[in-house]
Amino acid sequence: GVVNLWEVSFPSQSSDECKVLCLDTLSVDSKAIVTLSLAELPQSPGRFVLAMGGLDNKIKLYFCL
């Protein structure tokens, strides 16, 4: 399977457009991913951890820059 990380920028004015950018693509097991959680790391602005839980009862952590 694949998990895509997207950045979405909403317009500040009604005349502007939304912007969508694919930041990264992660390859994951063939088992279904049933939950995702994304959090910014404390004291590390701009660095994130993505936790994914699947039907295999495992939690996988991915660190994003």
C-alpha atoms as a PDB file:
ATOM      1  CA  GLY A   1       0.000   0.000   0.000  1.00  0.00           C
ATOM      2  CA  VAL A   2       0.900   3.663  -0.219  1.00  0.00           C
ATOM      3  CA  VAL A   3       0.348   6.654   2.083  1.00  0.00           C
ATOM      4  CA  ASN A   4       0.657  10.139   0.572  1.00  0.00           C
ATOM      5  CA  LEU A   5       1.442  13.209   2.707  1.00  0.00           C
ATOM      6  CA  TRP A   6      -0.233  16.345   1.368  1.00  0.00           C
ATOM      7  CA  GLU A   7       0.147  20.035   2.174  1.00  0.00           C
ATOM      8  CA  VAL A   8      -3.003  22.083   1.641  1.00  0.00           C
ATOM      9  CA  SER A   9      -2.931  25.887   1.635  1.00  0.00           C
ATOM     10  CA  PHE A  10      -6.293  27.579   1.869  1.00  0.00           C
ATOM     11  CA  PRO A  11      -6.721  31.013   0.290  1.00  0.00           C
ATOM     12  CA  SER A  12      -6.698  34.105   2.458  1.00  0.00           C
ATOM     13  CA  GLN A  13      -9.063  35.841   0.033  1.00  0.00           C
ATOM     14  CA  SER A  14     -12.021  34.489  -1.895  1.00  0.00           C
ATOM     15  CA  SER A  15     -10.341  35.396  -5.195  1.00  0.00           C
ATOM     16  CA  ASP A  16      -7.299  33.197  -4.427  1.00  0.00           C
ATOM     17  CA  GLU A  17      -7.033  29.472  -5.128  1.00  0.00           C
ATOM     18  CA  CYS A  18      -6.334  26.534  -2.834  1.00  0.00           C
ATOM     19  CA  LYS A  19      -2.913  24.965  -3.295  1.00  0.00           C
ATOM     20  CA  VAL A  20      -2.306  21.238  -2.852  1.00  0.00           C
ATOM     21  CA  LEU A  21       1.208  19.765  -2.845  1.00  0.00           C
ATOM     22  CA  CYS A  22       2.238  16.115  -2.386  1.00  0.00           C
ATOM     23  CA  LEU A  23       5.126  16.262   0.103  1.00  0.00           C
ATOM     24  CA  ASP A  24       6.030  12.587   0.283  1.00  0.00           C
ATOM     25  CA  THR A  25       4.879   9.089  -0.588  1.00  0.00           C
ATOM     26  CA  LEU A  26       5.451   6.226   1.866  1.00  0.00           C
ATOM     27  CA  SER A  27       5.309   2.572   0.905  1.00  0.00           C
ATOM     28  CA  VAL A  28       3.616   0.462   3.563  1.00  0.00           C
ATOM     29  CA  ASP A  29       2.670  -3.185   4.033  1.00  0.00           C
ATOM     30  CA  SER A  30      -0.150  -4.780   2.126  1.00  0.00           C
ATOM     31  CA  LYS A  31      -2.187  -4.836   5.371  1.00  0.00           C
ATOM     32  CA  ALA A  32      -4.738  -2.049   5.690  1.00  0.00           C
ATOM     33  CA  ILE A  33      -3.791   1.087   7.628  1.00  0.00           C
ATOM     34  CA  VAL A  34      -6.703   1.906   9.938  1.00  0.00           C
ATOM     35  CA  THR A  35      -5.415   4.942  11.839  1.00  0.00           C
ATOM     36  CA  LEU A  36      -3.005   7.832  11.269  1.00  0.00           C
ATOM     37  CA  SER A  37      -1.677  10.522  13.568  1.00  0.00           C
ATOM     38  CA  LEU A  38       0.656  13.366  12.580  1.00  0.00           C
ATOM     39  CA  ALA A  39       2.370  15.529  15.203  1.00  0.00           C
ATOM     40  CA  GLU A  40       5.096  18.166  15.181  1.00  0.00           C
ATOM     41  CA  LEU A  41       8.071  17.153  17.298  1.00  0.00           C
ATOM     42  CA  PRO A  42       8.527  19.315  20.416  1.00  0.00           C
ATOM     43  CA  GLN A  43      11.454  21.746  20.182  1.00  0.00           C
ATOM     44  CA  SER A  44      11.967  20.782  16.507  1.00  0.00           C
ATOM     45  CA  PRO A  45       9.882  23.182  14.403  1.00  0.00           C
ATOM     46  CA  GLY A  46       9.137  21.819  10.952  1.00  0.00           C
ATOM     47  CA  ARG A  47       9.889  18.187  11.895  1.00  0.00           C
ATOM     48  CA  PHE A  48       7.023  15.746  12.208  1.00  0.00           C
ATOM     49  CA  VAL A  49       6.348  12.177  13.241  1.00  0.00           C
ATOM     50  CA  LEU A  50       3.657  10.133  11.515  1.00  0.00           C
ATOM     51  CA  ALA A  51       2.259   7.170  13.462  1.00  0.00           C
ATOM     52  CA  MET A  52       0.305   4.565  11.501  1.00  0.00           C
ATOM     53  CA  GLY A  53      -1.597   1.613  12.926  1.00  0.00           C
ATOM     54  CA  GLY A  54      -2.710  -1.339  10.853  1.00  0.00           C
ATOM     55  CA  LEU A  55      -4.662  -4.552  11.064  1.00  0.00           C
ATOM     56  CA  ASP A  56      -1.434  -6.353  12.004  1.00  0.00           C
ATOM     57  CA  ASN A  57      -1.651  -4.689  15.479  1.00  0.00           C
ATOM     58  CA  LYS A  58       1.652  -2.851  14.937  1.00  0.00           C
ATOM     59  CA  ILE A  59       2.387   0.860  15.128  1.00  0.00           C
ATOM     60  CA  LYS A  60       4.841   2.182  12.574  1.00  0.00           C
ATOM     61  CA  LEU A  61       6.594   5.530  13.050  1.00  0.00           C
ATOM     62  CA  TYR A  62       7.881   7.688  10.202  1.00  0.00           C
ATOM     63  CA  PHE A  63       9.881  10.861  10.762  1.00  0.00           C
ATOM     64  CA  CYS A  64       9.297  13.662   8.257  1.00  0.00           C
ATOM     65  CA  LEU A  65      11.524  16.666   7.704  1.00  0.00           C
END
